[in-house]
Protein backbone atom coordinates (compact mmCIF):
# COMPACT_ATOMS: atom_id res chain seq x y z
CA MET A 1 99.10 -33.98 99.29
CA LYS A 2 101.06 -30.79 100.14
CA LEU A 3 100.75 -27.79 97.58
CA HIS A 4 103.73 -25.40 97.40
CA PHE A 5 102.93 -22.00 95.74
CA GLU A 6 105.69 -19.67 94.95
CA LYS A 7 105.27 -16.10 95.28
CA LYS A 8 107.31 -14.35 92.22
CA ASN A 9 107.98 -10.89 92.94
CA THR A 10 106.71 -8.58 90.30
CA LEU A 11 109.93 -6.50 90.18
CA ASP A 12 112.06 -9.35 89.62
CA SER A 13 114.96 -8.82 87.53
CA SER A 14 114.11 -11.74 85.14
CA LEU A 15 111.18 -9.59 83.95
CA PHE A 16 113.61 -6.90 82.87
CA PRO A 17 116.73 -8.34 81.43
CA SER A 18 119.61 -5.96 81.04
CA SER A 19 119.03 -5.94 77.42
CA ASN A 20 115.51 -4.31 77.96
CA LYS A 21 116.80 -2.05 80.59
CA LYS A 22 119.41 -0.87 77.93
CA LEU A 23 116.66 -0.58 75.27
CA ILE A 24 114.39 1.39 77.63
CA SER A 25 117.28 3.99 78.48
CA GLU A 26 118.26 4.34 74.86
CA LEU A 27 114.77 4.91 73.96
CA ALA A 28 114.29 7.75 77.11
CA ALA A 29 117.53 9.18 75.96
CA ALA A 30 116.38 9.52 72.34
CA LEU A 31 113.30 10.79 73.60
CA VAL A 32 115.02 13.70 75.55
CA ALA A 33 117.16 14.34 72.51
CA GLY A 34 114.30 14.59 70.05
CA VAL A 35 112.43 17.01 72.45
CA PHE A 36 115.65 19.11 72.97
CA ILE A 37 116.36 19.37 68.94
CA PHE A 38 112.46 20.27 68.87
CA LEU A 39 112.70 22.99 71.06
CA PHE A 40 116.25 24.29 69.94
CA ILE A 41 114.65 24.39 66.43
CA HIS A 42 111.14 26.21 67.45
CA LEU A 43 113.19 28.80 69.70
CA PHE A 44 116.53 29.33 68.28
CA VAL A 45 116.18 28.86 64.55
CA PRO A 46 114.35 31.58 62.60
CA VAL A 47 111.19 30.92 60.39
CA ASP A 48 113.20 32.76 57.36
CA HIS A 49 116.95 33.17 58.10
CA ALA A 50 117.18 34.90 54.59
CA ASN A 51 114.37 37.42 55.06
CA HIS A 52 115.42 40.37 56.76
CA VAL A 53 112.46 42.62 55.99
CA PRO A 54 110.84 43.92 59.18
CA VAL A 55 107.05 44.04 59.65
CA VAL A 56 105.34 45.99 62.17
CA PHE A 57 104.00 43.95 64.83
CA PRO A 58 101.46 45.48 67.48
CA ILE A 59 101.09 44.37 71.13
CA GLU A 60 97.90 45.84 72.43
CA GLN A 61 97.58 46.81 76.25
CA GLY A 62 96.14 43.81 78.21
CA GLU A 63 97.15 40.92 75.57
CA GLY A 64 98.41 37.74 77.07
CA VAL A 65 101.21 35.77 76.03
CA PHE A 66 99.26 33.11 74.28
CA GLN A 67 97.42 35.71 72.21
CA ILE A 68 100.76 37.43 71.07
CA ALA A 69 102.14 33.88 70.24
CA SER A 70 98.86 33.07 68.01
CA LYS A 71 99.47 36.52 66.14
CA LEU A 72 103.01 35.89 65.60
CA GLU A 73 102.31 32.20 64.19
CA GLU A 74 99.67 33.66 62.25
CA SER A 75 102.07 36.36 60.95
CA ASN A 76 104.55 33.64 60.10
CA LEU A 77 107.19 35.01 62.40
CA ILE A 78 107.30 32.03 64.82
CA HIS A 79 107.27 28.16 64.08
CA SER A 80 104.78 27.37 66.93
CA LYS A 81 102.66 29.32 69.20
CA TRP A 82 102.84 26.45 71.60
CA SER A 83 106.81 26.36 71.98
CA PHE A 84 106.84 30.34 72.24
CA THR A 85 104.28 30.51 74.95
CA LEU A 86 105.94 27.37 76.90
CA TYR A 87 109.37 29.21 76.66
CA ALA A 88 108.10 32.65 77.73
CA VAL A 89 106.33 30.99 80.91
CA LEU A 90 109.31 28.71 81.63
CA THR A 91 111.56 31.47 81.41
CA GLY A 92 109.55 34.13 83.65
CA ARG A 93 109.05 36.60 80.82
CA ALA A 94 105.35 35.58 79.85
CA PHE A 95 104.40 38.42 82.36
CA ASN A 96 106.79 40.85 81.53
CA LEU A 97 105.93 41.47 77.92
CA GLN A 98 105.11 45.16 76.97
CA SER A 99 102.68 46.61 74.58
CA GLY A 100 103.78 48.64 71.58
CA ASP A 101 104.40 48.54 68.14
CA TYR A 102 107.59 46.50 67.24
CA LEU A 103 109.70 45.81 64.11
CA ILE A 104 109.95 41.96 63.91
CA ALA A 105 111.63 40.41 60.69
CA PRO A 106 111.08 36.50 59.77
CA SER A 107 115.03 36.21 60.26
CA LEU A 108 114.70 36.75 64.21
CA ASN A 109 114.31 33.60 66.29
CA ALA A 110 111.78 33.14 69.04
CA HIS A 111 114.39 34.10 71.94
CA THR A 112 115.14 37.19 70.20
CA ILE A 113 111.64 38.28 69.69
CA ILE A 114 110.74 37.68 73.46
CA GLN A 115 113.87 39.64 74.50
CA LYS A 116 112.46 42.50 72.10
CA PHE A 117 108.83 42.13 73.95
CA THR A 118 110.28 42.36 77.39
CA SER A 119 112.86 45.08 76.87
CA GLY A 120 110.20 47.36 75.38
CA ASP A 121 112.25 47.85 72.12
CA VAL A 122 109.41 49.22 70.51
CA LEU A 123 109.30 51.11 67.09
CA LYS A 124 110.28 54.68 67.73
CA GLU A 125 109.38 57.67 65.54
CA HIS A 126 111.86 60.52 65.33
CA VAL A 127 110.22 63.90 65.21
CA ILE A 128 111.80 66.96 63.92
CA ILE A 129 109.67 70.28 64.37
CA GLN A 130 111.49 73.11 62.61
CA GLU A 131 111.82 76.43 64.29
CA GLY A 132 109.00 78.81 63.03
CA TRP A 133 106.18 76.55 62.20
CA ASP A 134 102.87 77.04 63.35
CA LEU A 135 100.47 74.58 64.53
CA LYS A 136 98.86 73.94 61.08
CA ARG A 137 102.14 73.15 59.68
CA MET A 138 102.88 70.94 62.48
CA ALA A 139 99.47 69.45 61.99
CA GLN A 140 100.27 68.70 58.34
CA TYR A 141 103.71 67.25 59.15
CA PHE A 142 101.97 64.75 61.61
CA GLU A 143 99.30 63.95 59.33
CA ASP A 144 101.90 63.39 56.33
CA ARG A 145 103.87 61.13 58.61
CA LYS A 146 100.45 59.22 59.12
CA MET A 147 100.95 59.59 62.99
CA PHE A 148 97.59 61.36 63.41
CA SER A 149 95.11 63.67 61.56
CA ARG A 150 95.44 67.41 61.54
CA LYS A 151 92.06 67.45 63.00
CA ASN A 152 93.34 65.43 65.90
CA PHE A 153 96.26 67.63 66.46
CA LEU A 154 94.64 70.65 66.38
CA LEU A 155 91.83 69.81 68.83
């Protein structure tokens, strides 16, 4: 008695009929489209497009992109700290974020916020010192504007 064994190729096309291949490619395309839509919403759609009231958002010296993203998410200025961080890293901007105080409104998207942080578009205070003011009057002016105290100015 002679036994005959057939060795079946595990990658035989009969294991993956064309209908399954089509289904797999459609699922892959749907997954890619889903990820694209998710990232588009998280990066280019603002949290609240109707709210144009800016808040002062401080970035301290030495803060990293994930710390900044966490604070933005807690302040309800971005959708997700993870997508913000990923986008900043993938675009090479994660290490170019500058410290300072920024005016950020919920109507800004994450892409625009990252641009502000990398360009150094910090809150600027215009100061007008009038001719004839003495140091005490200047100190009072700065204290009234809550820039610093009279005492610190006069030291």
